[in-house]
Each structure stands twice: as C-alpha cells, then as structure tokens.
C-alpha cells in the first residue's frame, strides 16, 4: 500500500463576532438540534462510528468504555445532536480547554444526511454554543477562542463549511500516511458535513 499525503488544516475564531451563521433549515424539514444532556457512552460511540464510517475516523474505535466516560463527563464537555424528523442526523462535540479555549473535537453528519443543508446549521449552532459555554458551565472562564481541525480525508465540503462559518486557517500540516485505508488518525480529524 502506498503512502498518501494528508493535509490537516487548523482553524479558529477569536471572537463571537467571527461567526457567520448558516441559514436555518425550513421548519417543515423537521430539523432540530438538542444537547445530549446525559453523557452516554453507547450513544456517543454510535454517533462517532455512524458519522465517521466512510471518512476514516478510527482513533476512538478502540477506546474502552471508561475512557469514553471520562471524556464525556469532563466539566463543560458537551455533545449537540442534529435530528431530522426524530432521527439522529449528525453531531458536534465541544471540548473545553484551558484559558477559555473550546475545541470542536468532532463534527459531522451521517452519510444519508449530507448535502441537505443541515451541516452548516449544526456547525453554526454548535459554534455559538462554544462561545456561550460559560453560561452553562459557570466554573469555566468565558470563551476567548473556538478552534477545530479537519483534514483531506474528511468530507469534501468540510473545509469550505468551516470557512463559510467564519473560521480562519492558522496552521496547515502535510504528512504521509500508509494509504487511504490507514486510519489511525490520531489528529482526530473531523468534518463530513
């Protein structure tokens, strides 16, 4: 198997005013976004595998339940889920970090929901929740930076979606990986939306 060069883009917003929200889907589409208020290893694992199944998300596949639980139960960690007519369509995960930084660790849609204008709305909504995270987690400082990264193995519209929502590239890295099926992407790349 030959090596493949993977490009990873790191993007950021440094002010809530940077967010350029996407239009909300028409109410008739039945799309809603809800916070998963009870951390659930099974549900989070389902979202991760269902969204990442065709874009080489593998870094969490071997996580034992305890590691999932530790990740999900950290103060301020949040998972926001998009539903269409009651069916999970995608999700966005917020990881609060030091000094008022929040990383969007994973974001994407299940394959059958891509291309239906849900991704831009979910990213807009989730980014706004990153900016107002301190209101729901009073022990957290006010958010001063929201960041994310995506890579060339993710969905073809991921990078453009981040840029349209007001994220700016602050770092680009290229590295060889062992072919398209070599999936231990410890960079946690995200974005099939």
N, C-alpha and C. Protein backbone atom coordinates (compact mmCIF):
# COMPACT_ATOMS: atom_id res chain seq x y z
N UNK A 1 0.85 -1.16 0.00
CA UNK A 1 0.00 0.00 0.00
C UNK A 1 0.90 1.23 0.00
N UNK A 2 0.62 2.17 -0.86
CA UNK A 2 1.45 3.37 -0.94
C UNK A 2 1.00 4.42 0.06
N UNK A 3 1.95 5.31 0.40
CA UNK A 3 1.63 6.40 1.31
C UNK A 3 0.74 7.43 0.62
N UNK A 4 -0.09 8.05 1.40
CA UNK A 4 -0.95 9.12 0.94
C UNK A 4 -0.59 10.36 1.73
N UNK A 5 -0.48 11.50 1.06
CA UNK A 5 -0.21 12.74 1.78
C UNK A 5 -1.53 13.30 2.28
N UNK A 6 -1.62 13.50 3.58
CA UNK A 6 -2.83 14.03 4.21
C UNK A 6 -2.54 15.45 4.66
N UNK A 7 -3.40 16.35 4.26
CA UNK A 7 -3.29 17.76 4.67
C UNK A 7 -4.27 18.00 5.80
N UNK A 8 -3.78 18.60 6.89
CA UNK A 8 -4.62 18.95 8.04
C UNK A 8 -4.62 20.45 8.21
N UNK A 9 -5.82 21.02 8.24
CA UNK A 9 -5.99 22.45 8.45
C UNK A 9 -6.52 22.69 9.85
N UNK A 10 -5.87 23.57 10.61
CA UNK A 10 -6.37 24.00 11.91
C UNK A 10 -6.98 25.38 11.71
N UNK A 11 -8.18 25.55 12.23
CA UNK A 11 -8.91 26.80 12.02
C UNK A 11 -9.39 27.34 13.36
N UNK A 12 -9.65 28.64 13.42
CA UNK A 12 -10.08 29.25 14.67
C UNK A 12 -11.00 30.44 14.44
N UNK A 13 -11.72 30.75 15.50
CA UNK A 13 -12.42 32.02 15.67
C UNK A 13 -11.92 32.60 16.98
N UNK A 14 -11.73 33.91 17.02
CA UNK A 14 -11.22 34.54 18.24
C UNK A 14 -12.20 35.55 18.83
N UNK A 15 -13.40 35.58 18.28
CA UNK A 15 -14.44 36.46 18.79
C UNK A 15 -15.79 35.90 18.37
N UNK A 16 -16.81 36.04 19.23
CA UNK A 16 -18.14 35.58 18.81
C UNK A 16 -18.60 36.26 17.53
N UNK A 17 -18.12 37.47 17.27
CA UNK A 17 -18.48 38.19 16.05
C UNK A 17 -17.91 37.57 14.79
N UNK A 18 -16.97 36.64 14.94
CA UNK A 18 -16.42 35.95 13.76
C UNK A 18 -17.42 34.98 13.14
N UNK A 19 -18.37 34.51 13.93
CA UNK A 19 -19.32 33.50 13.45
C UNK A 19 -20.24 34.09 12.39
N UNK A 20 -20.25 33.45 11.23
CA UNK A 20 -21.16 33.80 10.14
C UNK A 20 -22.16 32.64 10.01
N UNK A 21 -23.30 32.74 10.70
CA UNK A 21 -24.21 31.60 10.75
C UNK A 21 -24.83 31.25 9.40
N UNK A 22 -25.03 29.97 9.21
CA UNK A 22 -25.76 29.48 8.04
C UNK A 22 -27.24 29.71 8.28
N UNK A 23 -27.99 29.72 7.21
CA UNK A 23 -29.44 29.81 7.33
C UNK A 23 -29.98 28.55 8.00
N UNK A 24 -30.99 28.72 8.81
CA UNK A 24 -31.63 27.55 9.42
C UNK A 24 -32.48 26.83 8.38
N UNK A 25 -32.54 25.51 8.46
CA UNK A 25 -33.42 24.79 7.53
C UNK A 25 -34.87 25.21 7.75
N UNK A 26 -35.66 25.12 6.72
CA UNK A 26 -37.09 25.42 6.81
C UNK A 26 -37.71 24.57 7.90
N UNK A 27 -38.61 25.13 8.66
CA UNK A 27 -39.25 24.41 9.77
C UNK A 27 -39.91 23.11 9.30
N UNK A 28 -40.39 23.10 8.07
CA UNK A 28 -41.05 21.90 7.54
C UNK A 28 -40.08 20.73 7.39
N UNK A 29 -38.77 21.02 7.37
CA UNK A 29 -37.77 19.95 7.23
C UNK A 29 -37.66 19.12 8.51
N UNK A 30 -38.18 19.62 9.62
CA UNK A 30 -38.16 18.86 10.86
C UNK A 30 -36.79 18.71 11.49
N UNK A 31 -35.90 19.67 11.23
CA UNK A 31 -34.54 19.61 11.79
C UNK A 31 -34.53 20.37 13.11
N UNK A 32 -33.96 19.72 14.12
CA UNK A 32 -33.76 20.39 15.41
C UNK A 32 -32.44 19.94 15.98
N UNK A 33 -31.87 20.77 16.84
CA UNK A 33 -30.59 20.46 17.47
C UNK A 33 -30.80 20.46 18.97
N UNK A 34 -30.36 19.37 19.61
CA UNK A 34 -30.59 19.17 21.03
C UNK A 34 -29.28 18.77 21.69
N UNK A 35 -29.05 19.30 22.88
CA UNK A 35 -27.87 18.88 23.64
C UNK A 35 -28.15 17.51 24.24
N UNK A 36 -27.18 16.61 24.13
CA UNK A 36 -27.27 15.31 24.79
C UNK A 36 -26.92 15.57 26.25
N UNK A 37 -27.94 15.78 27.07
CA UNK A 37 -27.74 16.20 28.45
C UNK A 37 -27.24 15.13 29.39
N UNK A 38 -27.40 13.87 29.02
CA UNK A 38 -26.91 12.77 29.84
C UNK A 38 -25.76 12.11 29.07
N UNK A 39 -24.53 12.19 29.59
CA UNK A 39 -23.43 11.55 28.88
C UNK A 39 -23.69 10.06 28.72
N UNK A 40 -23.63 9.57 27.49
CA UNK A 40 -23.90 8.17 27.20
C UNK A 40 -22.81 7.62 26.31
N UNK A 41 -22.07 6.66 26.83
CA UNK A 41 -21.00 6.03 26.06
C UNK A 41 -21.58 5.39 24.79
N UNK A 42 -22.66 4.64 24.92
CA UNK A 42 -23.23 3.93 23.77
C UNK A 42 -23.70 4.91 22.69
N UNK A 43 -24.37 5.98 23.09
CA UNK A 43 -24.87 6.94 22.10
C UNK A 43 -23.71 7.67 21.44
N UNK A 44 -22.73 8.10 22.22
CA UNK A 44 -21.58 8.81 21.64
C UNK A 44 -20.79 7.90 20.70
N UNK A 45 -20.62 6.65 21.09
CA UNK A 45 -19.92 5.70 20.22
C UNK A 45 -20.72 5.49 18.93
N UNK A 46 -22.04 5.40 19.04
CA UNK A 46 -22.89 5.28 17.84
C UNK A 46 -22.68 6.47 16.91
N UNK A 47 -22.74 7.70 17.46
CA UNK A 47 -22.58 8.89 16.63
C UNK A 47 -21.21 8.90 15.94
N UNK A 48 -20.18 8.60 16.71
CA UNK A 48 -18.81 8.60 16.18
C UNK A 48 -18.68 7.60 15.02
N UNK A 49 -19.15 6.38 15.20
CA UNK A 49 -18.98 5.37 14.15
C UNK A 49 -19.92 5.62 12.97
N UNK A 50 -21.13 6.09 13.24
CA UNK A 50 -22.07 6.32 12.14
C UNK A 50 -21.63 7.49 11.26
N UNK A 51 -21.11 8.54 11.87
CA UNK A 51 -20.65 9.70 11.09
C UNK A 51 -19.31 9.40 10.43
N UNK A 52 -18.41 8.76 11.15
CA UNK A 52 -17.06 8.57 10.65
C UNK A 52 -16.82 7.32 9.84
N UNK A 53 -17.86 6.51 9.62
CA UNK A 53 -17.69 5.21 8.99
C UNK A 53 -17.04 5.27 7.61
N UNK A 54 -17.29 6.29 6.85
CA UNK A 54 -16.77 6.34 5.49
C UNK A 54 -15.69 7.40 5.29
N UNK A 55 -15.21 7.98 6.40
CA UNK A 55 -14.17 9.02 6.27
C UNK A 55 -12.99 8.74 7.21
N UNK A 56 -12.75 7.48 7.50
CA UNK A 56 -11.55 7.03 8.21
C UNK A 56 -11.43 7.53 9.64
N UNK A 57 -12.53 7.72 10.34
CA UNK A 57 -12.43 8.03 11.76
C UNK A 57 -12.17 6.72 12.49
N UNK A 58 -11.01 6.57 13.08
CA UNK A 58 -10.68 5.33 13.76
C UNK A 58 -10.04 5.54 15.13
N UNK A 59 -9.59 6.73 15.45
CA UNK A 59 -8.80 6.91 16.67
C UNK A 59 -9.55 6.55 17.94
N UNK A 60 -10.87 6.58 17.94
CA UNK A 60 -11.63 6.22 19.15
C UNK A 60 -12.23 4.82 19.11
N UNK A 61 -12.05 4.10 18.02
CA UNK A 61 -12.69 2.79 17.90
C UNK A 61 -12.27 1.82 18.99
N UNK A 62 -11.06 1.93 19.46
CA UNK A 62 -10.59 1.00 20.48
C UNK A 62 -10.70 1.57 21.89
N UNK A 63 -11.30 2.73 22.05
CA UNK A 63 -11.46 3.28 23.38
C UNK A 63 -12.34 2.35 24.23
N UNK A 64 -11.89 2.00 25.42
CA UNK A 64 -12.76 1.25 26.32
C UNK A 64 -13.84 2.19 26.88
N UNK A 65 -14.88 1.61 27.42
CA UNK A 65 -16.00 2.40 27.94
C UNK A 65 -15.54 3.44 28.96
N UNK A 66 -14.58 3.09 29.80
CA UNK A 66 -14.11 4.02 30.83
C UNK A 66 -13.50 5.28 30.22
N UNK A 67 -12.75 5.12 29.15
CA UNK A 67 -12.15 6.30 28.50
C UNK A 67 -13.23 7.18 27.89
N UNK A 68 -14.22 6.57 27.25
CA UNK A 68 -15.35 7.33 26.73
C UNK A 68 -16.02 8.11 27.87
N UNK A 69 -16.28 7.42 28.96
CA UNK A 69 -16.96 8.03 30.10
C UNK A 69 -16.17 9.24 30.63
N UNK A 70 -14.87 9.05 30.80
CA UNK A 70 -14.02 10.15 31.29
C UNK A 70 -14.09 11.35 30.36
N UNK A 71 -14.04 11.09 29.07
CA UNK A 71 -14.11 12.18 28.09
C UNK A 71 -15.45 12.90 28.16
N UNK A 72 -16.53 12.15 28.18
CA UNK A 72 -17.87 12.72 28.14
C UNK A 72 -18.27 13.43 29.43
N UNK A 73 -17.70 13.03 30.55
CA UNK A 73 -18.11 13.58 31.84
C UNK A 73 -17.22 14.72 32.34
N UNK A 74 -16.30 15.17 31.51
CA UNK A 74 -15.47 16.30 31.93
C UNK A 74 -16.34 17.55 32.07
N UNK A 75 -16.06 18.40 33.05
CA UNK A 75 -16.86 19.61 33.22
C UNK A 75 -16.83 20.49 31.96
N UNK A 76 -18.01 20.82 31.49
CA UNK A 76 -18.13 21.68 30.33
C UNK A 76 -18.14 20.96 29.00
N UNK A 77 -17.83 19.66 28.96
CA UNK A 77 -17.88 18.92 27.69
C UNK A 77 -19.35 18.79 27.27
N UNK A 78 -19.60 19.00 26.00
CA UNK A 78 -20.98 18.93 25.51
C UNK A 78 -21.03 18.25 24.15
N UNK A 79 -22.14 17.55 23.92
CA UNK A 79 -22.45 16.96 22.63
C UNK A 79 -23.79 17.51 22.18
N UNK A 80 -23.82 18.09 20.98
CA UNK A 80 -25.03 18.64 20.39
C UNK A 80 -25.40 17.78 19.19
N UNK A 81 -26.64 17.33 19.15
CA UNK A 81 -27.07 16.37 18.14
C UNK A 81 -28.15 17.00 17.27
N UNK A 82 -27.96 16.89 15.95
CA UNK A 82 -28.98 17.32 14.99
C UNK A 82 -29.88 16.13 14.69
N UNK A 83 -31.18 16.39 14.68
CA UNK A 83 -32.17 15.36 14.35
C UNK A 83 -32.99 15.87 13.16
N UNK A 84 -33.35 14.95 12.28
CA UNK A 84 -34.33 15.26 11.24
C UNK A 84 -35.49 14.31 11.43
N UNK A 85 -36.65 14.89 11.72
CA UNK A 85 -37.86 14.09 11.98
C UNK A 85 -37.60 12.98 12.99
N UNK A 86 -36.85 13.32 14.06
CA UNK A 86 -36.62 12.38 15.15
C UNK A 86 -35.46 11.42 14.94
N UNK A 87 -34.81 11.45 13.79
CA UNK A 87 -33.68 10.55 13.51
C UNK A 87 -32.38 11.32 13.67
N UNK A 88 -31.40 10.77 14.42
CA UNK A 88 -30.11 11.46 14.53
C UNK A 88 -29.49 11.64 13.15
N UNK A 89 -29.14 12.89 12.84
CA UNK A 89 -28.57 13.22 11.53
C UNK A 89 -27.09 13.55 11.63
N UNK A 90 -26.62 13.98 12.80
CA UNK A 90 -25.22 14.34 12.96
C UNK A 90 -24.99 14.89 14.34
N UNK A 91 -23.73 15.26 14.61
CA UNK A 91 -23.43 15.78 15.94
C UNK A 91 -22.21 16.68 15.91
N UNK A 92 -22.03 17.40 17.01
CA UNK A 92 -20.89 18.27 17.23
C UNK A 92 -20.50 18.14 18.69
N UNK A 93 -19.21 17.97 18.93
CA UNK A 93 -18.70 17.74 20.27
C UNK A 93 -17.82 18.92 20.69
N UNK A 94 -18.07 19.47 21.87
CA UNK A 94 -17.29 20.58 22.40
C UNK A 94 -16.39 20.09 23.53
N UNK A 95 -15.12 20.47 23.45
CA UNK A 95 -14.12 20.08 24.45
C UNK A 95 -13.54 21.36 25.06
N UNK A 96 -13.97 21.72 26.27
CA UNK A 96 -13.42 22.92 26.92
C UNK A 96 -11.97 22.67 27.33
N UNK A 97 -11.13 23.64 27.05
CA UNK A 97 -9.71 23.52 27.37
C UNK A 97 -9.29 24.70 28.25
N UNK A 98 -8.02 24.76 28.55
CA UNK A 98 -7.50 25.81 29.43
C UNK A 98 -7.65 27.19 28.79
N UNK A 99 -7.66 28.20 29.64
CA UNK A 99 -7.60 29.60 29.22
C UNK A 99 -8.74 30.03 28.30
N UNK A 100 -9.93 29.46 28.49
CA UNK A 100 -11.08 29.91 27.71
C UNK A 100 -11.10 29.42 26.28
N UNK A 101 -10.39 28.36 25.99
CA UNK A 101 -10.42 27.80 24.64
C UNK A 101 -11.38 26.63 24.60
N UNK A 102 -12.10 26.50 23.49
CA UNK A 102 -13.02 25.38 23.28
C UNK A 102 -12.70 24.79 21.91
N UNK A 103 -12.45 23.49 21.90
CA UNK A 103 -12.21 22.80 20.63
C UNK A 103 -13.48 22.09 20.20
N UNK A 104 -13.81 22.20 18.94
CA UNK A 104 -14.83 21.35 18.34
C UNK A 104 -14.09 20.09 17.96
N UNK A 105 -14.21 19.05 18.81
CA UNK A 105 -13.41 17.86 18.61
C UNK A 105 -13.93 16.97 17.49
N UNK A 106 -15.22 16.85 17.38
CA UNK A 106 -15.81 16.10 16.28
C UNK A 106 -17.08 16.80 15.82
N UNK A 107 -17.29 16.75 14.52
CA UNK A 107 -18.46 17.37 13.90
C UNK A 107 -18.70 16.66 12.58
N UNK A 108 -19.92 16.29 12.33
CA UNK A 108 -20.23 15.71 11.04
C UNK A 108 -21.64 15.16 11.00
N UNK A 109 -22.00 14.71 9.82
CA UNK A 109 -23.33 14.17 9.57
C UNK A 109 -23.24 12.72 9.13
N UNK A 110 -24.25 11.93 9.46
CA UNK A 110 -24.36 10.59 8.92
C UNK A 110 -24.45 10.70 7.40
N UNK A 111 -23.90 9.75 6.66
CA UNK A 111 -23.84 9.87 5.20
C UNK A 111 -25.16 10.25 4.53
N UNK A 112 -26.28 9.66 4.95
CA UNK A 112 -27.54 9.94 4.25
C UNK A 112 -28.08 11.35 4.49
N UNK A 113 -27.50 12.10 5.44
CA UNK A 113 -27.98 13.45 5.73
C UNK A 113 -27.07 14.54 5.16
N UNK A 114 -26.01 14.15 4.51
CA UNK A 114 -25.09 15.14 3.92
C UNK A 114 -25.71 15.75 2.67
N UNK A 115 -25.34 17.01 2.43
CA UNK A 115 -25.83 17.70 1.25
C UNK A 115 -27.25 18.21 1.38
N UNK A 116 -27.77 18.28 2.60
CA UNK A 116 -29.16 18.72 2.80
C UNK A 116 -29.23 19.99 3.63
N UNK A 117 -28.12 20.70 3.74
CA UNK A 117 -28.02 21.99 4.43
C UNK A 117 -28.18 21.88 5.95
N UNK A 118 -27.97 20.69 6.47
CA UNK A 118 -28.02 20.51 7.92
C UNK A 118 -26.66 20.85 8.53
N UNK A 119 -25.58 20.51 7.84
CA UNK A 119 -24.24 20.69 8.36
C UNK A 119 -23.89 22.13 8.69
N UNK A 120 -24.21 23.05 7.81
CA UNK A 120 -23.93 24.47 8.08
C UNK A 120 -24.69 24.97 9.29
N UNK A 121 -25.94 24.54 9.40
CA UNK A 121 -26.76 24.93 10.54
C UNK A 121 -26.22 24.34 11.84
N UNK A 122 -25.87 23.05 11.82
CA UNK A 122 -25.33 22.40 13.02
C UNK A 122 -24.01 23.04 13.43
N UNK A 123 -23.14 23.32 12.48
CA UNK A 123 -21.86 23.96 12.80
C UNK A 123 -22.09 25.36 13.37
N UNK A 124 -23.01 26.11 12.80
CA UNK A 124 -23.32 27.45 13.31
C UNK A 124 -23.84 27.37 14.74
N UNK A 125 -24.79 26.49 14.96
CA UNK A 125 -25.40 26.35 16.27
C UNK A 125 -24.37 25.89 17.30
N UNK A 126 -23.58 24.87 16.94
CA UNK A 126 -22.58 24.35 17.86
C UNK A 126 -21.49 25.36 18.17
N UNK A 127 -21.09 26.13 17.18
CA UNK A 127 -20.06 27.16 17.42
C UNK A 127 -20.61 28.23 18.36
N UNK A 128 -21.85 28.62 18.17
CA UNK A 128 -22.47 29.59 19.09
C UNK A 128 -22.50 29.02 20.51
N UNK A 129 -22.75 27.70 20.65
CA UNK A 129 -22.74 27.08 21.98
C UNK A 129 -21.32 27.05 22.57
N UNK A 130 -20.32 26.97 21.74
CA UNK A 130 -18.94 27.05 22.23
C UNK A 130 -18.68 28.45 22.79
N UNK A 131 -19.20 29.46 22.11
CA UNK A 131 -18.99 30.84 22.57
C UNK A 131 -19.73 31.13 23.86
N UNK A 132 -20.89 30.51 24.10
CA UNK A 132 -21.63 30.80 25.33
C UNK A 132 -21.54 29.66 26.35
N UNK A 133 -20.52 28.82 26.22
CA UNK A 133 -20.34 27.67 27.11
C UNK A 133 -20.29 28.06 28.59
N UNK A 134 -19.66 29.16 28.92
CA UNK A 134 -19.51 29.57 30.33
C UNK A 134 -20.87 29.82 30.99
N UNK A 135 -21.90 30.14 30.22
CA UNK A 135 -23.23 30.33 30.80
C UNK A 135 -23.80 29.03 31.34
N UNK A 136 -23.45 27.91 30.70
CA UNK A 136 -23.96 26.61 31.12
C UNK A 136 -22.99 25.90 32.06
N UNK A 137 -21.73 26.32 32.06
CA UNK A 137 -20.69 25.73 32.92
C UNK A 137 -20.02 26.86 33.68
N UNK A 138 -20.66 27.32 34.77
CA UNK A 138 -20.19 28.52 35.46
C UNK A 138 -18.76 28.45 35.99
N UNK A 139 -18.20 27.26 36.15
CA UNK A 139 -16.81 27.15 36.59
C UNK A 139 -15.82 27.39 35.46
N UNK A 140 -16.33 27.49 34.23
CA UNK A 140 -15.48 27.73 33.07
C UNK A 140 -15.31 29.23 32.84
N UNK A 141 -14.12 29.64 32.39
CA UNK A 141 -13.95 31.06 32.02
C UNK A 141 -14.72 31.34 30.73
N UNK A 142 -14.96 32.60 30.47
CA UNK A 142 -15.58 32.98 29.20
C UNK A 142 -14.72 32.46 28.05
N UNK A 143 -15.38 32.02 27.00
CA UNK A 143 -14.66 31.52 25.83
C UNK A 143 -13.99 32.69 25.12
N UNK A 144 -12.72 32.50 24.79
CA UNK A 144 -11.99 33.53 24.05
C UNK A 144 -11.51 33.03 22.69
N UNK A 145 -11.61 31.69 22.48
CA UNK A 145 -11.17 31.12 21.21
C UNK A 145 -11.90 29.80 21.00
N UNK A 146 -12.42 29.60 19.78
CA UNK A 146 -13.01 28.33 19.37
C UNK A 146 -12.17 27.84 18.20
N UNK A 147 -11.76 26.58 18.27
CA UNK A 147 -10.91 26.07 17.20
C UNK A 147 -11.30 24.65 16.83
N UNK A 148 -10.81 24.24 15.66
CA UNK A 148 -11.16 22.94 15.09
C UNK A 148 -10.07 22.59 14.08
N UNK A 149 -9.99 21.33 13.75
CA UNK A 149 -9.18 20.99 12.58
C UNK A 149 -9.89 19.92 11.76
N UNK A 150 -9.57 19.92 10.49
CA UNK A 150 -10.13 18.99 9.54
C UNK A 150 -9.00 18.56 8.62
N UNK A 151 -9.21 17.49 7.89
CA UNK A 151 -8.13 17.05 7.01
C UNK A 151 -8.70 16.61 5.66
N UNK A 152 -7.78 16.34 4.75
CA UNK A 152 -8.16 16.00 3.38
C UNK A 152 -8.84 14.63 3.26
N UNK A 153 -8.87 13.84 4.34
CA UNK A 153 -9.61 12.57 4.32
C UNK A 153 -11.07 12.75 4.72
N UNK A 154 -11.39 13.94 5.26
CA UNK A 154 -12.75 14.21 5.68
C UNK A 154 -13.64 14.49 4.48
N UNK A 155 -14.90 14.80 4.73
CA UNK A 155 -15.84 15.08 3.66
C UNK A 155 -15.36 16.22 2.79
N UNK A 156 -15.73 16.21 1.51
CA UNK A 156 -15.22 17.21 0.57
C UNK A 156 -15.66 18.64 0.85
N UNK A 157 -16.69 18.82 1.67
CA UNK A 157 -17.20 20.16 1.94
C UNK A 157 -16.81 20.69 3.31
N UNK A 158 -16.06 19.91 4.08
CA UNK A 158 -15.75 20.28 5.47
C UNK A 158 -15.00 21.59 5.57
N UNK A 159 -13.87 21.72 4.89
CA UNK A 159 -13.06 22.93 5.00
C UNK A 159 -13.85 24.16 4.56
N UNK A 160 -14.57 24.05 3.46
CA UNK A 160 -15.36 25.19 2.98
C UNK A 160 -16.45 25.57 3.97
N UNK A 161 -17.07 24.59 4.61
CA UNK A 161 -18.10 24.88 5.60
C UNK A 161 -17.51 25.66 6.77
N UNK A 162 -16.35 25.24 7.28
CA UNK A 162 -15.71 25.97 8.38
C UNK A 162 -15.41 27.41 7.95
N UNK A 163 -14.87 27.58 6.77
CA UNK A 163 -14.54 28.93 6.30
C UNK A 163 -15.80 29.78 6.14
N UNK A 164 -16.85 29.22 5.61
CA UNK A 164 -18.10 29.99 5.46
C UNK A 164 -18.67 30.40 6.81
N UNK A 165 -18.42 29.63 7.84
CA UNK A 165 -18.91 29.96 9.18
C UNK A 165 -18.00 30.96 9.90
N UNK A 166 -16.92 31.42 9.24
CA UNK A 166 -16.07 32.44 9.82
C UNK A 166 -14.79 31.94 10.47
N UNK A 167 -14.49 30.66 10.34
CA UNK A 167 -13.23 30.13 10.86
C UNK A 167 -12.10 30.51 9.91
N UNK A 168 -10.95 30.85 10.49
CA UNK A 168 -9.76 31.20 9.72
C UNK A 168 -8.67 30.15 9.95
N UNK A 169 -7.97 29.79 8.89
CA UNK A 169 -6.88 28.83 8.99
C UNK A 169 -5.71 29.48 9.72
N UNK A 170 -5.17 28.78 10.75
CA UNK A 170 -3.98 29.28 11.42
C UNK A 170 -2.81 28.32 11.32
N UNK A 171 -3.04 27.11 10.79
CA UNK A 171 -1.94 26.18 10.62
C UNK A 171 -2.33 25.14 9.57
N UNK A 172 -1.36 24.74 8.75
CA UNK A 172 -1.56 23.70 7.75
C UNK A 172 -0.38 22.73 7.88
N UNK A 173 -0.69 21.45 7.95
CA UNK A 173 0.35 20.42 8.04
C UNK A 173 0.08 19.35 6.99
N UNK A 174 1.16 18.83 6.44
CA UNK A 174 1.05 17.74 5.48
C UNK A 174 1.93 16.60 5.98
N UNK A 175 1.36 15.39 5.99
CA UNK A 175 2.16 14.23 6.37
C UNK A 175 1.70 13.01 5.61
N UNK A 176 2.63 12.10 5.43
CA UNK A 176 2.33 10.86 4.72
C UNK A 176 1.68 9.88 5.68
N UNK A 177 0.64 9.23 5.20
CA UNK A 177 0.00 8.15 5.94
C UNK A 177 0.01 6.93 5.04
N UNK A 178 -0.13 5.76 5.62
CA UNK A 178 0.01 4.50 4.89
C UNK A 178 -1.14 4.13 4.01
N UNK A 179 -1.59 5.02 3.17
CA UNK A 179 -2.64 4.69 2.21
C UNK A 179 -4.01 5.06 2.70
N UNK A 180 -5.00 5.06 1.82
CA UNK A 180 -6.33 5.53 2.16
C UNK A 180 -7.02 4.74 3.25
N UNK A 181 -6.67 3.49 3.44
CA UNK A 181 -7.33 2.71 4.48
C UNK A 181 -6.60 2.80 5.81
N UNK A 182 -5.43 3.42 5.82
CA UNK A 182 -4.67 3.53 7.07
C UNK A 182 -5.32 4.58 7.92
N UNK A 183 -6.12 4.13 8.87
CA UNK A 183 -6.98 5.08 9.50
C UNK A 183 -6.67 5.53 10.89
N UNK A 184 -5.57 5.20 11.52
CA UNK A 184 -5.37 5.67 12.88
C UNK A 184 -5.01 7.14 12.85
N UNK A 185 -6.02 7.93 12.70
CA UNK A 185 -5.83 9.36 12.58
C UNK A 185 -5.86 9.97 13.95
N UNK A 186 -4.75 9.95 14.62
CA UNK A 186 -4.70 10.49 15.97
C UNK A 186 -4.90 11.99 16.00
N UNK A 187 -4.92 12.62 14.82
CA UNK A 187 -5.21 14.05 14.79
C UNK A 187 -6.68 14.32 15.08
N UNK A 188 -7.49 13.28 15.11
CA UNK A 188 -8.90 13.45 15.41
C UNK A 188 -9.62 14.26 14.34
N UNK A 189 -9.21 14.16 13.11
CA UNK A 189 -9.80 14.96 12.05
C UNK A 189 -11.30 14.75 11.98
N UNK A 190 -12.00 15.78 11.61
CA UNK A 190 -13.45 15.73 11.58
C UNK A 190 -13.98 16.50 10.39
N UNK A 191 -15.25 16.32 10.15
CA UNK A 191 -15.89 17.23 9.25
C UNK A 191 -16.71 16.75 8.09
N UNK A 192 -17.19 15.54 7.98
CA UNK A 192 -18.00 15.20 6.81
C UNK A 192 -19.39 15.81 6.91
N UNK A 193 -19.51 17.02 6.49
CA UNK A 193 -20.80 17.68 6.56
C UNK A 193 -21.07 18.33 5.26
